[in-house]
Amino acid sequence: MPLDKSDRESYFPAIEKKYGERMSYWFAVMKDLKGQKYPEQVAYLRENYGFSQAHANALVMYSRGSTSSKRFETPKDYFATLDAKQVKTVKAIFKAITSKYPDLELVIAWNQPMLRSGKDYIFGVSAATNHILMAPFSQDVLEKFRPKMKDLDVKKKTIGVPNDWTVDAKLLQSIVKARLAELK
């Protein structure tokens, strides 16, 4: 059975096996660390018991009451957390792309909405308070289109746009076309 990395409890059998103690022991260790900040708790487990980052994170976050790293089941759940202006812009971004590429699937990955073709991620969006970030999952594609995006905030892996950005459908479709060609 594959490990469900969003369910923190799924790490517990591996933690018991690798570090030689039952979970009750590890919960007692965490109780002693209560009140410390997240980085301090993770560092303590890593330095004193040899925990991997993933195991330390699972134990610390579970002990803090977060039993799953998955925040959204569907894109609709994600959109419900945004303000109206962001929802309008993000939906327009995806509509501009899927109107030309209807076979792309809108999914949630890394707690963000993403367009996927099979197992390959093609284009993702993330909304922050004051802007929206778009990611074509390819630095080569990003560099190819950088000259056409002089008025946008283009970083190493993302494109920043204002929350009320007027969607450039042709640009987005061209970026996705290049990303898809790259995968062939």
N, C-alpha and C. Protein backbone atom coordinates (compact mmCIF):
# COMPACT_ATOMS: atom_id res chain seq x y z
N MET A 1 0.84 -1.17 0.00
CA MET A 1 0.00 0.00 0.00
C MET A 1 0.89 1.24 0.00
N PRO A 2 0.67 2.18 -0.94
CA PRO A 2 1.53 3.36 -1.02
C PRO A 2 1.30 4.29 0.18
N LEU A 3 2.35 4.99 0.55
CA LEU A 3 2.29 5.92 1.66
C LEU A 3 1.51 7.16 1.26
N ASP A 4 0.48 7.51 2.06
CA ASP A 4 -0.27 8.74 1.84
C ASP A 4 0.46 9.84 2.59
N LYS A 5 1.27 10.61 1.87
CA LYS A 5 2.12 11.61 2.50
C LYS A 5 1.35 12.78 3.07
N SER A 6 0.05 12.88 2.79
CA SER A 6 -0.72 13.96 3.39
C SER A 6 -1.22 13.56 4.77
N ASP A 7 -1.27 12.27 5.08
CA ASP A 7 -1.73 11.77 6.37
C ASP A 7 -0.52 11.55 7.27
N ARG A 8 -0.37 12.39 8.26
CA ARG A 8 0.84 12.34 9.11
C ARG A 8 0.97 11.01 9.85
N GLU A 9 -0.15 10.38 10.22
CA GLU A 9 -0.10 9.09 10.92
C GLU A 9 0.51 7.99 10.06
N SER A 10 0.47 8.16 8.75
CA SER A 10 1.03 7.13 7.87
C SER A 10 2.54 6.97 8.07
N TYR A 11 3.18 7.97 8.67
CA TYR A 11 4.62 7.89 8.94
C TYR A 11 4.93 7.11 10.22
N PHE A 12 3.94 6.91 11.08
CA PHE A 12 4.21 6.33 12.39
C PHE A 12 4.84 4.94 12.35
N PRO A 13 4.39 4.01 11.52
CA PRO A 13 5.06 2.70 11.49
C PRO A 13 6.55 2.80 11.13
N ALA A 14 6.86 3.67 10.18
CA ALA A 14 8.26 3.84 9.79
C ALA A 14 9.07 4.49 10.90
N ILE A 15 8.46 5.43 11.62
CA ILE A 15 9.14 6.08 12.74
C ILE A 15 9.45 5.05 13.83
N GLU A 16 8.47 4.21 14.16
CA GLU A 16 8.69 3.18 15.19
C GLU A 16 9.80 2.22 14.76
N LYS A 17 9.76 1.80 13.53
CA LYS A 17 10.74 0.83 13.04
C LYS A 17 12.15 1.44 12.98
N LYS A 18 12.25 2.64 12.41
CA LYS A 18 13.56 3.24 12.19
C LYS A 18 14.22 3.72 13.49
N TYR A 19 13.42 4.26 14.42
CA TYR A 19 14.01 4.86 15.61
C TYR A 19 13.83 4.01 16.87
N GLY A 20 13.21 2.83 16.73
CA GLY A 20 13.21 1.82 17.77
C GLY A 20 12.33 2.05 18.99
N GLU A 21 11.39 2.96 18.89
CA GLU A 21 10.50 3.22 20.03
C GLU A 21 9.06 3.31 19.53
N ARG A 22 8.14 2.95 20.42
CA ARG A 22 6.72 3.05 20.09
C ARG A 22 6.32 4.52 20.03
N MET A 23 5.20 4.80 19.40
CA MET A 23 4.76 6.18 19.26
C MET A 23 4.46 6.81 20.61
N SER A 24 4.04 6.03 21.59
CA SER A 24 3.78 6.59 22.92
C SER A 24 5.05 7.25 23.47
N TYR A 25 6.22 6.65 23.19
CA TYR A 25 7.49 7.23 23.61
C TYR A 25 7.70 8.59 22.94
N TRP A 26 7.46 8.63 21.60
CA TRP A 26 7.69 9.86 20.84
C TRP A 26 6.70 10.96 21.25
N PHE A 27 5.47 10.56 21.59
CA PHE A 27 4.50 11.56 22.06
C PHE A 27 4.95 12.14 23.41
N ALA A 28 5.58 11.32 24.24
CA ALA A 28 6.11 11.80 25.53
C ALA A 28 7.26 12.78 25.29
N VAL A 29 8.12 12.47 24.29
CA VAL A 29 9.20 13.39 23.93
C VAL A 29 8.61 14.73 23.49
N MET A 30 7.58 14.65 22.67
CA MET A 30 6.95 15.88 22.18
C MET A 30 6.29 16.66 23.31
N LYS A 31 5.75 15.96 24.28
CA LYS A 31 5.13 16.63 25.43
C LYS A 31 6.18 17.45 26.18
N ASP A 32 7.39 16.88 26.30
CA ASP A 32 8.49 17.60 26.96
C ASP A 32 8.94 18.83 26.15
N LEU A 33 8.70 18.80 24.84
CA LEU A 33 9.11 19.91 23.97
C LEU A 33 8.00 20.94 23.77
N LYS A 34 6.86 20.69 24.39
CA LYS A 34 5.71 21.59 24.23
C LYS A 34 6.12 23.02 24.60
N GLY A 35 5.69 23.96 23.83
CA GLY A 35 6.03 25.36 24.07
C GLY A 35 7.20 25.84 23.25
N GLN A 36 7.99 24.91 22.72
CA GLN A 36 9.08 25.31 21.84
C GLN A 36 8.53 25.59 20.44
N LYS A 37 9.26 26.37 19.68
CA LYS A 37 8.85 26.68 18.32
C LYS A 37 9.09 25.48 17.40
N TYR A 38 8.33 25.46 16.31
CA TYR A 38 8.43 24.36 15.34
C TYR A 38 9.89 24.06 14.97
N PRO A 39 10.69 25.06 14.52
CA PRO A 39 12.07 24.73 14.10
C PRO A 39 12.89 24.11 15.23
N GLU A 40 12.66 24.55 16.45
CA GLU A 40 13.40 24.00 17.59
C GLU A 40 13.01 22.55 17.84
N GLN A 41 11.72 22.24 17.73
CA GLN A 41 11.27 20.86 17.93
C GLN A 41 11.84 19.94 16.86
N VAL A 42 11.78 20.38 15.60
CA VAL A 42 12.32 19.57 14.50
C VAL A 42 13.83 19.37 14.69
N ALA A 43 14.53 20.45 15.01
CA ALA A 43 15.98 20.36 15.21
C ALA A 43 16.32 19.40 16.35
N TYR A 44 15.55 19.44 17.44
CA TYR A 44 15.79 18.55 18.57
C TYR A 44 15.68 17.08 18.14
N LEU A 45 14.62 16.75 17.40
CA LEU A 45 14.43 15.37 16.94
C LEU A 45 15.55 14.95 15.98
N ARG A 46 15.94 15.84 15.13
CA ARG A 46 16.98 15.52 14.15
C ARG A 46 18.34 15.35 14.83
N GLU A 47 18.68 16.27 15.73
CA GLU A 47 20.00 16.26 16.36
C GLU A 47 20.13 15.17 17.43
N ASN A 48 19.08 14.92 18.18
CA ASN A 48 19.18 13.98 19.30
C ASN A 48 18.77 12.55 18.97
N TYR A 49 17.96 12.38 17.93
CA TYR A 49 17.48 11.04 17.61
C TYR A 49 17.74 10.64 16.16
N GLY A 50 18.33 11.52 15.37
CA GLY A 50 18.64 11.20 13.98
C GLY A 50 17.43 11.17 13.06
N PHE A 51 16.34 11.83 13.44
CA PHE A 51 15.14 11.85 12.60
C PHE A 51 15.43 12.50 11.25
N SER A 52 14.79 11.99 10.23
CA SER A 52 14.81 12.66 8.94
C SER A 52 13.90 13.88 9.04
N GLN A 53 14.02 14.79 8.11
CA GLN A 53 13.15 15.98 8.10
C GLN A 53 11.68 15.56 7.98
N ALA A 54 11.40 14.61 7.11
CA ALA A 54 10.00 14.19 6.90
C ALA A 54 9.41 13.57 8.16
N HIS A 55 10.16 12.71 8.82
CA HIS A 55 9.66 12.07 10.04
C HIS A 55 9.50 13.10 11.16
N ALA A 56 10.48 13.99 11.31
CA ALA A 56 10.39 15.02 12.35
C ALA A 56 9.19 15.92 12.08
N ASN A 57 9.01 16.34 10.85
CA ASN A 57 7.87 17.19 10.51
C ASN A 57 6.55 16.49 10.81
N ALA A 58 6.43 15.23 10.44
CA ALA A 58 5.18 14.49 10.68
C ALA A 58 4.87 14.42 12.18
N LEU A 59 5.87 14.10 12.99
CA LEU A 59 5.65 13.98 14.43
C LEU A 59 5.35 15.34 15.06
N VAL A 60 6.12 16.35 14.71
CA VAL A 60 5.91 17.68 15.29
C VAL A 60 4.54 18.22 14.90
N MET A 61 4.21 18.15 13.64
CA MET A 61 2.93 18.71 13.19
C MET A 61 1.75 17.93 13.78
N TYR A 62 1.87 16.61 13.85
CA TYR A 62 0.79 15.81 14.45
C TYR A 62 0.62 16.19 15.92
N SER A 63 1.74 16.37 16.62
CA SER A 63 1.70 16.73 18.03
C SER A 63 1.11 18.12 18.24
N ARG A 64 1.16 18.94 17.21
CA ARG A 64 0.60 20.29 17.28
C ARG A 64 -0.87 20.31 16.83
N GLY A 65 -1.41 19.13 16.50
CA GLY A 65 -2.82 19.04 16.16
C GLY A 65 -3.13 18.99 14.68
N SER A 66 -2.11 19.00 13.83
CA SER A 66 -2.32 18.95 12.38
C SER A 66 -2.12 17.51 11.92
N THR A 67 -3.21 16.79 11.71
CA THR A 67 -3.12 15.38 11.36
C THR A 67 -2.90 15.15 9.86
N SER A 68 -3.08 16.19 9.05
CA SER A 68 -2.90 16.05 7.61
C SER A 68 -2.31 17.33 7.03
N SER A 69 -1.48 17.18 6.02
CA SER A 69 -0.92 18.35 5.35
C SER A 69 -1.82 18.80 4.20
N LYS A 70 -2.85 18.03 3.93
CA LYS A 70 -3.76 18.34 2.84
C LYS A 70 -4.82 19.32 3.33
N ARG A 71 -4.85 20.52 2.74
CA ARG A 71 -5.81 21.52 3.17
C ARG A 71 -7.05 21.59 2.27
N PHE A 72 -6.90 21.22 1.01
CA PHE A 72 -8.01 21.34 0.07
C PHE A 72 -8.21 20.03 -0.68
N GLU A 73 -9.44 19.58 -0.76
CA GLU A 73 -9.78 18.37 -1.51
C GLU A 73 -9.99 18.69 -2.99
N THR A 74 -10.55 19.86 -3.28
CA THR A 74 -10.91 20.22 -4.66
C THR A 74 -10.50 21.66 -4.95
N PRO A 75 -10.41 22.02 -6.22
CA PRO A 75 -10.17 23.43 -6.56
C PRO A 75 -11.24 24.34 -5.97
N LYS A 76 -12.47 23.87 -5.93
CA LYS A 76 -13.56 24.67 -5.35
C LYS A 76 -13.25 25.02 -3.89
N ASP A 77 -12.71 24.06 -3.13
CA ASP A 77 -12.32 24.32 -1.74
C ASP A 77 -11.24 25.40 -1.68
N TYR A 78 -10.30 25.35 -2.61
CA TYR A 78 -9.24 26.35 -2.67
C TYR A 78 -9.82 27.73 -2.97
N PHE A 79 -10.67 27.80 -3.99
CA PHE A 79 -11.24 29.08 -4.39
C PHE A 79 -12.04 29.72 -3.24
N ALA A 80 -12.62 28.91 -2.39
CA ALA A 80 -13.42 29.43 -1.27
C ALA A 80 -12.56 30.22 -0.27
N THR A 81 -11.25 30.05 -0.32
CA THR A 81 -10.36 30.76 0.61
C THR A 81 -9.87 32.09 0.06
N LEU A 82 -10.16 32.38 -1.20
CA LEU A 82 -9.67 33.60 -1.85
C LEU A 82 -10.72 34.71 -1.80
N ASP A 83 -10.25 35.94 -1.99
CA ASP A 83 -11.23 37.02 -2.10
C ASP A 83 -11.81 37.01 -3.52
N ALA A 84 -12.92 37.70 -3.71
CA ALA A 84 -13.67 37.65 -4.97
C ALA A 84 -12.83 38.06 -6.18
N LYS A 85 -11.98 39.07 -6.02
CA LYS A 85 -11.14 39.55 -7.12
C LYS A 85 -10.15 38.46 -7.55
N GLN A 86 -9.55 37.80 -6.57
CA GLN A 86 -8.60 36.73 -6.87
C GLN A 86 -9.29 35.55 -7.53
N VAL A 87 -10.46 35.18 -7.02
CA VAL A 87 -11.20 34.06 -7.62
C VAL A 87 -11.48 34.35 -9.09
N LYS A 88 -11.93 35.55 -9.36
CA LYS A 88 -12.24 35.92 -10.74
C LYS A 88 -11.00 35.81 -11.64
N THR A 89 -9.88 36.32 -11.16
CA THR A 89 -8.64 36.29 -11.96
C THR A 89 -8.12 34.87 -12.13
N VAL A 90 -8.07 34.10 -11.05
CA VAL A 90 -7.54 32.73 -11.12
C VAL A 90 -8.42 31.87 -12.04
N LYS A 91 -9.72 31.98 -11.89
CA LYS A 91 -10.61 31.21 -12.77
C LYS A 91 -10.44 31.63 -14.23
N ALA A 92 -10.24 32.93 -14.47
CA ALA A 92 -10.02 33.41 -15.84
C ALA A 92 -8.71 32.87 -16.42
N ILE A 93 -7.69 32.75 -15.57
CA ILE A 93 -6.41 32.18 -16.02
C ILE A 93 -6.62 30.73 -16.48
N PHE A 94 -7.28 29.93 -15.65
CA PHE A 94 -7.50 28.53 -16.01
C PHE A 94 -8.44 28.40 -17.20
N LYS A 95 -9.44 29.26 -17.29
CA LYS A 95 -10.37 29.21 -18.43
C LYS A 95 -9.65 29.54 -19.74
N ALA A 96 -8.75 30.54 -19.70
CA ALA A 96 -8.00 30.91 -20.89
C ALA A 96 -7.17 29.72 -21.40
N ILE A 97 -6.63 28.96 -20.48
CA ILE A 97 -5.79 27.81 -20.86
C ILE A 97 -6.64 26.63 -21.30
N THR A 98 -7.64 26.30 -20.51
CA THR A 98 -8.44 25.10 -20.82
C THR A 98 -9.38 25.29 -22.01
N SER A 99 -9.63 26.53 -22.41
CA SER A 99 -10.44 26.74 -23.61
C SER A 99 -9.69 26.23 -24.85
N LYS A 100 -8.37 26.31 -24.80
CA LYS A 100 -7.56 25.79 -25.92
C LYS A 100 -7.07 24.37 -25.64
N TYR A 101 -6.91 24.02 -24.37
CA TYR A 101 -6.40 22.70 -23.99
C TYR A 101 -7.38 22.04 -23.02
N PRO A 102 -8.53 21.60 -23.51
CA PRO A 102 -9.58 21.06 -22.63
C PRO A 102 -9.23 19.72 -21.98
N ASP A 103 -8.20 19.05 -22.48
CA ASP A 103 -7.83 17.75 -21.90
C ASP A 103 -7.00 17.90 -20.62
N LEU A 104 -6.57 19.10 -20.31
CA LEU A 104 -5.82 19.30 -19.08
C LEU A 104 -6.76 19.19 -17.89
N GLU A 105 -6.28 18.54 -16.84
CA GLU A 105 -7.10 18.30 -15.65
C GLU A 105 -6.73 19.29 -14.56
N LEU A 106 -7.73 19.96 -13.99
CA LEU A 106 -7.51 20.88 -12.88
C LEU A 106 -7.55 20.08 -11.58
N VAL A 107 -6.42 20.07 -10.87
CA VAL A 107 -6.29 19.29 -9.64
C VAL A 107 -5.68 20.16 -8.54
N ILE A 108 -5.70 19.65 -7.33
CA ILE A 108 -4.99 20.28 -6.23
C ILE A 108 -3.72 19.47 -5.98
N ALA A 109 -2.59 20.17 -5.99
CA ALA A 109 -1.30 19.56 -5.67
C ALA A 109 -0.51 20.59 -4.88
N TRP A 110 0.17 20.17 -3.84
CA TRP A 110 0.89 21.09 -2.96
C TRP A 110 -0.06 22.20 -2.45
N ASN A 111 -1.31 21.83 -2.23
CA ASN A 111 -2.34 22.75 -1.73
C ASN A 111 -2.58 23.95 -2.64
N GLN A 112 -2.34 23.76 -3.94
CA GLN A 112 -2.56 24.81 -4.93
C GLN A 112 -3.26 24.21 -6.14
N PRO A 113 -4.03 25.00 -6.89
CA PRO A 113 -4.64 24.47 -8.12
C PRO A 113 -3.60 24.37 -9.24
N MET A 114 -3.62 23.23 -9.91
CA MET A 114 -2.66 22.95 -10.98
C MET A 114 -3.37 22.31 -12.16
N LEU A 115 -2.86 22.59 -13.35
CA LEU A 115 -3.32 21.87 -14.53
C LEU A 115 -2.32 20.76 -14.80
N ARG A 116 -2.85 19.59 -15.07
CA ARG A 116 -2.02 18.41 -15.24
C ARG A 116 -2.42 17.68 -16.51
N SER A 117 -1.43 17.10 -17.14
CA SER A 117 -1.64 16.22 -18.29
C SER A 117 -1.03 14.88 -17.91
N GLY A 118 -1.89 13.88 -17.66
CA GLY A 118 -1.39 12.61 -17.15
C GLY A 118 -0.77 12.83 -15.79
N LYS A 119 0.51 12.48 -15.65
CA LYS A 119 1.21 12.69 -14.37
C LYS A 119 2.06 13.95 -14.38
N ASP A 120 2.08 14.66 -15.51
CA ASP A 120 2.93 15.85 -15.65
C ASP A 120 2.16 17.12 -15.32
N TYR A 121 2.76 17.95 -14.48
CA TYR A 121 2.16 19.24 -14.16
C TYR A 121 2.55 20.23 -15.25
N ILE A 122 1.56 20.98 -15.70
CA ILE A 122 1.75 21.89 -16.82
C ILE A 122 1.77 23.34 -16.37
N PHE A 123 0.85 23.70 -15.48
CA PHE A 123 0.70 25.10 -15.10
C PHE A 123 0.03 25.17 -13.73
N GLY A 124 0.57 25.99 -12.85
CA GLY A 124 -0.01 26.12 -11.52
C GLY A 124 -0.21 27.58 -11.14
N VAL A 125 -1.09 27.79 -10.18
CA VAL A 125 -1.39 29.13 -9.70
C VAL A 125 -1.41 29.12 -8.17
N SER A 126 -0.93 30.20 -7.60
CA SER A 126 -0.96 30.37 -6.15
C SER A 126 -1.33 31.81 -5.85
N ALA A 127 -2.28 32.01 -4.97
CA ALA A 127 -2.71 33.36 -4.62
C ALA A 127 -2.14 33.77 -3.27
N ALA A 128 -1.52 34.93 -3.22
CA ALA A 128 -1.05 35.52 -1.97
C ALA A 128 -1.97 36.72 -1.67
N THR A 129 -1.70 37.44 -0.64
CA THR A 129 -2.58 38.55 -0.28
C THR A 129 -2.63 39.62 -1.36
N ASN A 130 -1.47 40.02 -1.86
CA ASN A 130 -1.42 41.16 -2.78
C ASN A 130 -1.13 40.81 -4.23
N HIS A 131 -1.02 39.54 -4.55
CA HIS A 131 -0.71 39.16 -5.93
C HIS A 131 -1.04 37.69 -6.17
N ILE A 132 -0.92 37.30 -7.42
CA ILE A 132 -1.12 35.91 -7.84
C ILE A 132 0.16 35.47 -8.52
N LEU A 133 0.62 34.26 -8.19
CA LEU A 133 1.79 33.69 -8.85
C LEU A 133 1.35 32.58 -9.79
N MET A 134 1.96 32.56 -10.97
CA MET A 134 1.72 31.49 -11.94
C MET A 134 3.04 30.77 -12.19
N ALA A 135 2.96 29.47 -12.43
CA ALA A 135 4.17 28.68 -12.65
C ALA A 135 3.97 27.71 -13.80
N PRO A 136 4.81 27.81 -14.84
CA PRO A 136 4.71 26.87 -15.96
C PRO A 136 5.52 25.59 -15.77
N PHE A 137 6.10 25.38 -14.59
CA PHE A 137 6.87 24.18 -14.28
C PHE A 137 8.04 23.96 -15.22
N SER A 138 8.59 25.04 -15.77
CA SER A 138 9.74 24.93 -16.65
C SER A 138 10.47 26.26 -16.70
N GLN A 139 11.72 26.28 -16.25
CA GLN A 139 12.50 27.49 -16.33
C GLN A 139 12.82 27.83 -17.79
N ASP A 140 12.98 26.81 -18.63
CA ASP A 140 13.26 27.06 -20.05
C ASP A 140 12.08 27.78 -20.71
N VAL A 141 10.87 27.32 -20.42
CA VAL A 141 9.68 27.97 -20.98
C VAL A 141 9.58 29.39 -20.44
N LEU A 142 9.82 29.55 -19.18
CA LEU A 142 9.75 30.87 -18.57
C LEU A 142 10.74 31.83 -19.24
N GLU A 143 11.96 31.36 -19.45
CA GLU A 143 12.97 32.19 -20.11
C GLU A 143 12.58 32.53 -21.54
N LYS A 144 11.99 31.59 -22.24
CA LYS A 144 11.58 31.81 -23.62
C LYS A 144 10.57 32.96 -23.72
N PHE A 145 9.68 33.05 -22.75
CA PHE A 145 8.62 34.06 -22.81
C PHE A 145 8.92 35.30 -21.97
N ARG A 146 10.05 35.33 -21.29
CA ARG A 146 10.40 36.49 -20.45
C ARG A 146 10.30 37.81 -21.21
N PRO A 147 10.81 37.91 -22.45
CA PRO A 147 10.71 39.20 -23.16
C PRO A 147 9.25 39.67 -23.39
N LYS A 148 8.32 38.76 -23.44
CA LYS A 148 6.92 39.12 -23.66
C LYS A 148 6.21 39.48 -22.36
N MET A 149 6.93 39.38 -21.24
CA MET A 149 6.30 39.62 -19.94
C MET A 149 7.02 40.73 -19.17
N LYS A 150 7.50 41.75 -19.88
CA LYS A 150 8.26 42.82 -19.24
C LYS A 150 7.45 43.58 -18.21
N ASP A 151 6.14 43.63 -18.37
CA ASP A 151 5.29 44.36 -17.43
C ASP A 151 4.85 43.50 -16.25
N LEU A 152 5.29 42.23 -16.22
CA LEU A 152 4.93 41.32 -15.13
C LEU A 152 6.15 41.08 -14.25
N ASP A 153 5.95 40.56 -13.08
CA ASP A 153 7.02 40.28 -12.13
C ASP A 153 7.51 38.85 -12.34
N VAL A 154 8.48 38.69 -13.24
CA VAL A 154 8.97 37.36 -13.59
C VAL A 154 10.20 37.03 -12.74
N LYS A 155 10.09 35.93 -12.01
CA LYS A 155 11.19 35.45 -11.17
C LYS A 155 11.81 34.21 -11.82
N LYS A 156 12.58 33.47 -11.04
CA LYS A 156 13.27 32.29 -11.55
C LYS A 156 12.29 31.18 -11.98
N LYS A 157 11.19 30.99 -11.22
CA LYS A 157 10.25 29.91 -11.52
C LYS A 157 8.80 30.36 -11.62
N THR A 158 8.53 31.63 -11.34
CA THR A 158 7.14 32.09 -11.29
C THR A 158 6.95 33.41 -12.02
N ILE A 159 5.69 33.70 -12.28
CA ILE A 159 5.27 34.96 -12.89
C ILE A 159 4.26 35.59 -11.93
N GLY A 160 4.56 36.76 -11.45
CA GLY A 160 3.66 37.45 -10.54
C GLY A 160 2.78 38.43 -11.29
N VAL A 161 1.49 38.41 -10.96
CA VAL A 161 0.53 39.34 -11.56
C VAL A 161 -0.33 39.94 -10.45
N PRO A 162 -0.89 41.13 -10.68
CA PRO A 162 -1.77 41.71 -9.68
C PRO A 162 -3.06 40.89 -9.55
N ASN A 163 -3.73 41.03 -8.42
CA ASN A 163 -4.98 40.30 -8.19
C ASN A 163 -6.04 40.60 -9.23
N ASP A 164 -6.01 41.79 -9.81
CA ASP A 164 -7.01 42.18 -10.80
C ASP A 164 -6.44 42.18 -12.23
N TRP A 165 -5.45 41.33 -12.47
CA TRP A 165 -4.78 41.26 -13.77
C TRP A 165 -5.78 40.97 -14.88
N THR A 166 -5.65 41.69 -15.98
CA THR A 166 -6.43 41.38 -17.18
C THR A 166 -5.70 40.24 -17.88
N VAL A 167 -6.33 39.08 -17.89
CA VAL A 167 -5.70 37.85 -18.37
C VAL A 167 -5.33 37.96 -19.84
N ASP A 168 -4.07 37.64 -20.15
CA ASP A 168 -3.58 37.60 -21.52
C ASP A 168 -3.67 36.15 -21.99
N ALA A 169 -4.81 35.80 -22.56
CA ALA A 169 -5.08 34.41 -22.96
C ALA A 169 -4.06 33.90 -23.96
N LYS A 170 -3.68 34.72 -24.93
CA LYS A 170 -2.71 34.27 -25.94
C LYS A 170 -1.37 33.94 -25.32
N LEU A 171 -0.93 34.78 -24.40
CA LEU A 171 0.35 34.52 -23.72
C LEU A 171 0.28 33.21 -22.93
N LEU A 172 -0.78 33.03 -22.15
CA LEU A 172 -0.91 31.82 -21.34
C LEU A 172 -0.98 30.57 -22.22
N GLN A 173 -1.74 30.64 -23.29
CA GLN A 173 -1.86 29.50 -24.20
C GLN A 173 -0.53 29.18 -24.87
N SER A 174 0.24 30.20 -25.20
CA SER A 174 1.57 29.98 -25.80
C SER A 174 2.53 29.34 -24.80
N ILE A 175 2.45 29.79 -23.56
CA ILE A 175 3.30 29.21 -22.52
C ILE A 175 2.96 27.73 -22.33
N VAL A 176 1.68 27.43 -22.27
CA VAL A 176 1.24 26.04 -22.08
C VAL A 176 1.61 25.19 -23.30
N LYS A 177 1.48 25.74 -24.48
CA LYS A 177 1.87 25.02 -25.71
C LYS A 177 3.35 24.65 -25.64
N ALA A 178 4.19 25.59 -25.22
CA ALA A 178 5.63 25.33 -25.11
C ALA A 178 5.91 24.28 -24.04
N ARG A 179 5.20 24.35 -22.93
CA ARG A 179 5.39 23.37 -21.85
C ARG A 179 5.01 21.96 -22.32
N LEU A 180 3.88 21.87 -23.02
CA LEU A 180 3.44 20.57 -23.53
C LEU A 180 4.43 20.01 -24.56
N ALA A 181 4.95 20.88 -25.42
CA ALA A 181 5.93 20.45 -26.43
C ALA A 181 7.20 19.95 -25.76
N GLU A 182 7.56 20.57 -24.68
CA GLU A 182 8.75 20.18 -23.93
C GLU A 182 8.62 18.75 -23.37
N LEU A 183 7.41 18.34 -23.08
CA LEU A 183 7.17 17.02 -22.48
C LEU A 183 7.10 15.89 -23.51
N LYS A 184 6.99 16.23 -24.75
CA LYS A 184 6.86 15.19 -25.80
C LYS A 184 8.18 14.57 -26.13
